[in-house]
């Protein structure tokens, strides 16, 4: 969907056709959920946060600045909503007795990729929320520095520095994890 097409849909909504908002929701719902899930790391909370963000966006649609992309404006709302949920959330623990572990015979290549993902996830979890979000938005979600700046409310140069420093911290965390892993072998 092009920017003029999105603006046309927004005009229709503001003119009294709220049902066409579903088109915008359908276009952006999976990525809104992804952003919320990266921050909250809980599927149910992420779904709720994304839904709340869409409701907030709908109610504030008249304040949307048409010089910005709708997606960037919406993802900023999703980001802020997820951060608010994160501040309010309480940690829940799952009993080991209720945990189901599955075994499947993997080839070495799959096992190696799984190990890489595992260690990367462990290292990412050790980073602070802002670093984790910046790396995720830039490397996994492939947003530009300017888009990340709009989503997070930082300056583009600040985002660039944060990503650089976060990569260094991630590398340090990986070294620590892998060193600890090597010691336990």
C-alpha atoms as a PDB file:
ATOM      1  CA  UNK A   1       0.000   0.000   0.000  1.00  0.00           C
ATOM      2  CA  UNK A   2       1.429   3.351  -1.030  1.00  0.00           C
ATOM      3  CA  UNK A   3       1.586   6.427   1.176  1.00  0.00           C
ATOM      4  CA  UNK A   4      -1.140   8.240  -0.866  1.00  0.00           C
ATOM      5  CA  UNK A   5      -3.335   5.129  -0.568  1.00  0.00           C
ATOM      6  CA  UNK A   6      -2.849   5.127   3.210  1.00  0.00           C
ATOM      7  CA  UNK A   7      -3.700   8.840   3.327  1.00  0.00           C
ATOM      8  CA  UNK A   8      -6.875   8.148   1.334  1.00  0.00           C
ATOM      9  CA  UNK A   9      -7.875   5.467   3.833  1.00  0.00           C
ATOM     10  CA  UNK A  10      -7.141   7.837   6.720  1.00  0.00           C
ATOM     11  CA  UNK A  11      -9.267  10.531   5.056  1.00  0.00           C
ATOM     12  CA  UNK A  12     -12.130   8.064   4.693  1.00  0.00           C
ATOM     13  CA  UNK A  13     -11.883   7.070   8.356  1.00  0.00           C
ATOM     14  CA  UNK A  14     -11.850  10.690   9.475  1.00  0.00           C
ATOM     15  CA  UNK A  15     -14.819  11.394   7.177  1.00  0.00           C
ATOM     16  CA  UNK A  16     -16.925   8.832   9.018  1.00  0.00           C
ATOM     17  CA  UNK A  17     -16.055   5.403   7.602  1.00  0.00           C
ATOM     18  CA  UNK A  18     -14.454   3.674  10.602  1.00  0.00           C
ATOM     19  CA  UNK A  19     -14.788   0.218   9.009  1.00  0.00           C
ATOM     20  CA  UNK A  20     -11.920   0.921   6.563  1.00  0.00           C
ATOM     21  CA  UNK A  21      -9.538   1.115   9.532  1.00  0.00           C
ATOM     22  CA  UNK A  22      -9.445  -2.683   9.242  1.00  0.00           C
ATOM     23  CA  UNK A  23      -7.339  -2.279   6.078  1.00  0.00           C
ATOM     24  CA  UNK A  24      -4.637  -0.446   8.009  1.00  0.00           C
ATOM     25  CA  UNK A  25      -4.845  -2.954  10.863  1.00  0.00           C
ATOM     26  CA  UNK A  26      -4.499  -5.906   8.483  1.00  0.00           C
ATOM     27  CA  UNK A  27      -1.499  -4.346   6.783  1.00  0.00           C
ATOM     28  CA  UNK A  28       0.407  -3.589   9.989  1.00  0.00           C
ATOM     29  CA  UNK A  29      -0.826  -6.120  12.555  1.00  0.00           C
ATOM     30  CA  UNK A  30       1.912  -8.721  12.198  1.00  0.00           C
ATOM     31  CA  UNK A  31       4.735  -6.221  12.480  1.00  0.00           C
ATOM     32  CA  UNK A  32       3.037  -4.384  15.357  1.00  0.00           C
ATOM     33  CA  UNK A  33       2.816  -7.719  17.156  1.00  0.00           C
ATOM     34  CA  UNK A  34       6.496  -8.418  16.392  1.00  0.00           C
ATOM     35  CA  UNK A  35       7.591  -5.120  17.939  1.00  0.00           C
ATOM     36  CA  UNK A  36       5.451  -5.674  21.035  1.00  0.00           C
ATOM     37  CA  UNK A  37       6.625  -9.277  21.359  1.00  0.00           C
ATOM     38  CA  UNK A  38      10.311  -8.300  21.117  1.00  0.00           C
ATOM     39  CA  UNK A  39       9.831  -5.885  23.993  1.00  0.00           C
ATOM     40  CA  UNK A  40       7.485  -7.922  26.180  1.00  0.00           C
ATOM     41  CA  UNK A  41       8.710 -11.417  25.326  1.00  0.00           C
ATOM     42  CA  UNK A  42       5.249 -12.734  26.132  1.00  0.00           C
ATOM     43  CA  UNK A  43       2.841 -13.612  23.329  1.00  0.00           C
ATOM     44  CA  UNK A  44      -0.394 -12.851  25.184  1.00  0.00           C
ATOM     45  CA  UNK A  45       0.830  -9.489  26.496  1.00  0.00           C
ATOM     46  CA  UNK A  46       2.234  -8.606  23.074  1.00  0.00           C
ATOM     47  CA  UNK A  47      -1.109  -9.314  21.410  1.00  0.00           C
ATOM     48  CA  UNK A  48      -2.874  -7.165  23.990  1.00  0.00           C
ATOM     49  CA  UNK A  49      -0.337  -4.342  23.684  1.00  0.00           C
ATOM     50  CA  UNK A  50      -0.557  -4.362  19.881  1.00  0.00           C
ATOM     51  CA  UNK A  51      -4.351  -4.278  20.050  1.00  0.00           C
ATOM     52  CA  UNK A  52      -4.259  -1.375  22.524  1.00  0.00           C
ATOM     53  CA  UNK A  53      -1.824   0.450  20.253  1.00  0.00           C
ATOM     54  CA  UNK A  54      -4.210   0.108  17.299  1.00  0.00           C
ATOM     55  CA  UNK A  55      -7.026   1.477  19.449  1.00  0.00           C
ATOM     56  CA  UNK A  56      -4.862   4.417  20.550  1.00  0.00           C
ATOM     57  CA  UNK A  57      -3.845   5.070  16.949  1.00  0.00           C
ATOM     58  CA  UNK A  58      -7.482   5.047  15.852  1.00  0.00           C
ATOM     59  CA  UNK A  59      -8.480   7.535  18.554  1.00  0.00           C
ATOM     60  CA  UNK A  60      -5.582   9.848  17.694  1.00  0.00           C
ATOM     61  CA  UNK A  61      -5.748   9.458  13.926  1.00  0.00           C
ATOM     62  CA  UNK A  62      -6.726  13.107  13.504  1.00  0.00           C
ATOM     63  CA  UNK A  63      -3.373  14.130  15.028  1.00  0.00           C
ATOM     64  CA  UNK A  64      -1.358  12.051  12.510  1.00  0.00           C
ATOM     65  CA  UNK A  65       1.212  14.267  10.783  1.00  0.00           C
ATOM     66  CA  UNK A  66       1.079  13.427   7.089  1.00  0.00           C
ATOM     67  CA  UNK A  67       4.721  14.335   6.589  1.00  0.00           C
ATOM     68  CA  UNK A  68       5.681  11.125   8.410  1.00  0.00           C
ATOM     69  CA  UNK A  69       4.896   7.600   7.254  1.00  0.00           C
ATOM     70  CA  UNK A  70       1.812   6.102   8.895  1.00  0.00           C
ATOM     71  CA  UNK A  71       3.739   2.923   9.718  1.00  0.00           C
ATOM     72  CA  UNK A  72       6.434   4.840  11.592  1.00  0.00           C
ATOM     73  CA  UNK A  73       3.809   6.775  13.555  1.00  0.00           C
ATOM     74  CA  UNK A  74       1.918   3.575  14.375  1.00  0.00           C
ATOM     75  CA  UNK A  75       5.052   1.636  15.362  1.00  0.00           C
ATOM     76  CA  UNK A  76       6.004   4.463  17.710  1.00  0.00           C
ATOM     77  CA  UNK A  77       2.628   4.021  19.423  1.00  0.00           C
ATOM     78  CA  UNK A  78       3.162   0.233  19.557  1.00  0.00           C
ATOM     79  CA  UNK A  79       6.650   0.730  20.990  1.00  0.00           C
ATOM     80  CA  UNK A  80       5.433   3.124  23.700  1.00  0.00           C
ATOM     81  CA  UNK A  81       2.454   0.917  24.560  1.00  0.00           C
ATOM     82  CA  UNK A  82       4.667  -2.164  24.888  1.00  0.00           C
ATOM     83  CA  UNK A  83       7.116  -0.244  27.090  1.00  0.00           C
ATOM     84  CA  UNK A  84       4.188   0.778  29.314  1.00  0.00           C
ATOM     85  CA  UNK A  85       3.059  -2.840  29.547  1.00  0.00           C
ATOM     86  CA  UNK A  86       6.612  -3.916  30.382  1.00  0.00           C
ATOM     87  CA  UNK A  87       6.757  -1.446  33.257  1.00  0.00           C
ATOM     88  CA  UNK A  88       3.459  -2.759  34.623  1.00  0.00           C
ATOM     89  CA  UNK A  89       4.072  -6.449  34.068  1.00  0.00           C
ATOM     90  CA  UNK A  90       4.905  -8.859  36.801  1.00  0.00           C
ATOM     91  CA  UNK A  91       7.091 -11.838  36.159  1.00  0.00           C
ATOM     92  CA  UNK A  92       5.363 -15.175  36.107  1.00  0.00           C
ATOM     93  CA  UNK A  93       7.173 -18.414  36.712  1.00  0.00           C
ATOM     94  CA  UNK A  94       6.334 -21.788  35.281  1.00  0.00           C
ATOM     95  CA  UNK A  95       6.776 -24.868  37.409  1.00  0.00           C
ATOM     96  CA  UNK A  96       9.339 -27.301  36.077  1.00  0.00           C
ATOM     97  CA  UNK A  97       6.771 -30.040  36.635  1.00  0.00           C
ATOM     98  CA  UNK A  98       4.517 -28.484  33.965  1.00  0.00           C
ATOM     99  CA  UNK A  99       7.271 -27.958  31.408  1.00  0.00           C
ATOM    100  CA  UNK A 100       7.168 -30.206  28.379  1.00  0.00           C
ATOM    101  CA  UNK A 101      10.477 -30.982  26.707  1.00  0.00           C
ATOM    102  CA  UNK A 102      10.538 -32.553  23.289  1.00  0.00           C
ATOM    103  CA  UNK A 103      13.380 -34.477  21.756  1.00  0.00           C
ATOM    104  CA  UNK A 104      13.959 -34.730  18.051  1.00  0.00           C
ATOM    105  CA  UNK A 105      17.037 -36.140  16.377  1.00  0.00           C
ATOM    106  CA  UNK A 106      18.643 -33.236  14.516  1.00  0.00           C
ATOM    107  CA  UNK A 107      21.445 -33.202  12.024  1.00  0.00           C
ATOM    108  CA  UNK A 108      24.642 -31.410  13.032  1.00  0.00           C
ATOM    109  CA  UNK A 109      23.857 -28.380  10.869  1.00  0.00           C
ATOM    110  CA  UNK A 110      20.505 -27.841  12.537  1.00  0.00           C
ATOM    111  CA  UNK A 111      22.032 -28.407  15.956  1.00  0.00           C
ATOM    112  CA  UNK A 112      24.774 -25.880  15.238  1.00  0.00           C
ATOM    113  CA  UNK A 113      22.237 -23.263  14.091  1.00  0.00           C
ATOM    114  CA  UNK A 114      20.163 -23.966  17.177  1.00  0.00           C
ATOM    115  CA  UNK A 115      23.233 -23.456  19.377  1.00  0.00           C
ATOM    116  CA  UNK A 116      24.042 -20.174  17.648  1.00  0.00           C
ATOM    117  CA  UNK A 117      20.481 -18.941  18.136  1.00  0.00           C
ATOM    118  CA  UNK A 118      20.525 -20.083  21.762  1.00  0.00           C
ATOM    119  CA  UNK A 119      23.722 -18.240  22.617  1.00  0.00           C
ATOM    120  CA  UNK A 120      22.666 -15.151  20.709  1.00  0.00           C
ATOM    121  CA  UNK A 121      19.315 -15.151  22.549  1.00  0.00           C
ATOM    122  CA  UNK A 122      21.118 -15.544  25.890  1.00  0.00           C
ATOM    123  CA  UNK A 123      23.452 -12.663  25.080  1.00  0.00           C
ATOM    124  CA  UNK A 124      20.560 -10.478  23.859  1.00  0.00           C
ATOM    125  CA  UNK A 125      18.648 -11.202  27.069  1.00  0.00           C
ATOM    126  CA  UNK A 126      21.580  -9.853  29.073  1.00  0.00           C
ATOM    127  CA  UNK A 127      21.458  -6.518  27.264  1.00  0.00           C
ATOM    128  CA  UNK A 128      19.328  -3.689  28.547  1.00  0.00           C
ATOM    129  CA  UNK A 129      15.962  -3.139  26.924  1.00  0.00           C
ATOM    130  CA  UNK A 130      17.045  -0.139  24.834  1.00  0.00           C
ATOM    131  CA  UNK A 131      20.040  -1.973  23.350  1.00  0.00           C
ATOM    132  CA  UNK A 132      17.987  -5.089  22.651  1.00  0.00           C
ATOM    133  CA  UNK A 133      15.280  -3.039  20.929  1.00  0.00           C
ATOM    134  CA  UNK A 134      17.754  -1.035  18.836  1.00  0.00           C
ATOM    135  CA  UNK A 135      19.544  -4.165  17.599  1.00  0.00           C
ATOM    136  CA  UNK A 136      16.269  -5.931  16.872  1.00  0.00           C
ATOM    137  CA  UNK A 137      14.785  -3.015  14.936  1.00  0.00           C
ATOM    138  CA  UNK A 138      17.967  -2.474  12.908  1.00  0.00           C
ATOM    139  CA  UNK A 139      19.238  -5.992  12.216  1.00  0.00           C
ATOM    140  CA  UNK A 140      16.216  -8.261  12.458  1.00  0.00           C
ATOM    141  CA  UNK A 141      13.435  -5.930  11.364  1.00  0.00           C
ATOM    142  CA  UNK A 142      15.691  -3.958   8.983  1.00  0.00           C
ATOM    143  CA  UNK A 143      14.445  -0.477   9.836  1.00  0.00           C
ATOM    144  CA  UNK A 144      16.583   2.467   8.778  1.00  0.00           C
ATOM    145  CA  UNK A 145      18.263   4.656  11.393  1.00  0.00           C
ATOM    146  CA  UNK A 146      15.743   7.405  10.682  1.00  0.00           C
ATOM    147  CA  UNK A 147      12.778   5.072  11.141  1.00  0.00           C
ATOM    148  CA  UNK A 148      14.191   3.736  14.405  1.00  0.00           C
ATOM    149  CA  UNK A 149      14.749   7.315  15.555  1.00  0.00           C
ATOM    150  CA  UNK A 150      11.094   8.128  14.893  1.00  0.00           C
ATOM    151  CA  UNK A 151       9.862   4.944  16.574  1.00  0.00           C
ATOM    152  CA  UNK A 152      12.010   5.342  19.704  1.00  0.00           C
ATOM    153  CA  UNK A 153      12.002   9.139  19.922  1.00  0.00           C
ATOM    154  CA  UNK A 154      15.801   9.404  19.708  1.00  0.00           C
ATOM    155  CA  UNK A 155      17.940  11.319  17.234  1.00  0.00           C
ATOM    156  CA  UNK A 156      19.255   9.284  14.268  1.00  0.00           C
ATOM    157  CA  UNK A 157      22.863   9.842  15.370  1.00  0.00           C
ATOM    158  CA  UNK A 158      21.975   8.659  18.875  1.00  0.00           C
ATOM    159  CA  UNK A 159      20.431   5.520  17.388  1.00  0.00           C
ATOM    160  CA  UNK A 160      23.573   4.906  15.325  1.00  0.00           C
ATOM    161  CA  UNK A 161      25.776   5.224  18.422  1.00  0.00           C
ATOM    162  CA  UNK A 162      23.417   3.046  20.482  1.00  0.00           C
ATOM    163  CA  UNK A 163      23.498   0.297  17.849  1.00  0.00           C
ATOM    164  CA  UNK A 164      27.289   0.445  17.672  1.00  0.00           C
ATOM    165  CA  UNK A 165      27.681   0.270  21.448  1.00  0.00           C
ATOM    166  CA  UNK A 166      24.996  -2.403  21.729  1.00  0.00           C
ATOM    167  CA  UNK A 167      26.902  -4.552  19.213  1.00  0.00           C
ATOM    168  CA  UNK A 168      30.037  -4.204  21.318  1.00  0.00           C
ATOM    169  CA  UNK A 169      28.122  -5.142  24.484  1.00  0.00           C
ATOM    170  CA  UNK A 170      26.537  -8.073  22.651  1.00  0.00           C
ATOM    171  CA  UNK A 171      29.974  -9.297  21.565  1.00  0.00           C
ATOM    172  CA  UNK A 172      31.231  -9.031  25.161  1.00  0.00           C
ATOM    173  CA  UNK A 173      28.205 -10.960  26.430  1.00  0.00           C
ATOM    174  CA  UNK A 174      28.728 -13.664  23.807  1.00  0.00           C
ATOM    175  CA  UNK A 175      32.379 -13.998  24.818  1.00  0.00           C
ATOM    176  CA  UNK A 176      31.387 -14.381  28.477  1.00  0.00           C
ATOM    177  CA  UNK A 177      28.678 -16.934  27.706  1.00  0.00           C
ATOM    178  CA  UNK A 178      30.868 -18.981  25.405  1.00  0.00           C
ATOM    179  CA  UNK A 179      33.773 -18.851  27.837  1.00  0.00           C
ATOM    180  CA  UNK A 180      31.466 -20.092  30.628  1.00  0.00           C
ATOM    181  CA  UNK A 181      30.087 -22.778  28.317  1.00  0.00           C
ATOM    182  CA  UNK A 182      33.610 -23.933  27.413  1.00  0.00           C
ATOM    183  CA  UNK A 183      34.470 -24.194  31.126  1.00  0.00           C
ATOM    184  CA  UNK A 184      31.491 -26.483  31.780  1.00  0.00           C
ATOM    185  CA  UNK A 185      32.343 -28.945  28.987  1.00  0.00           C
END
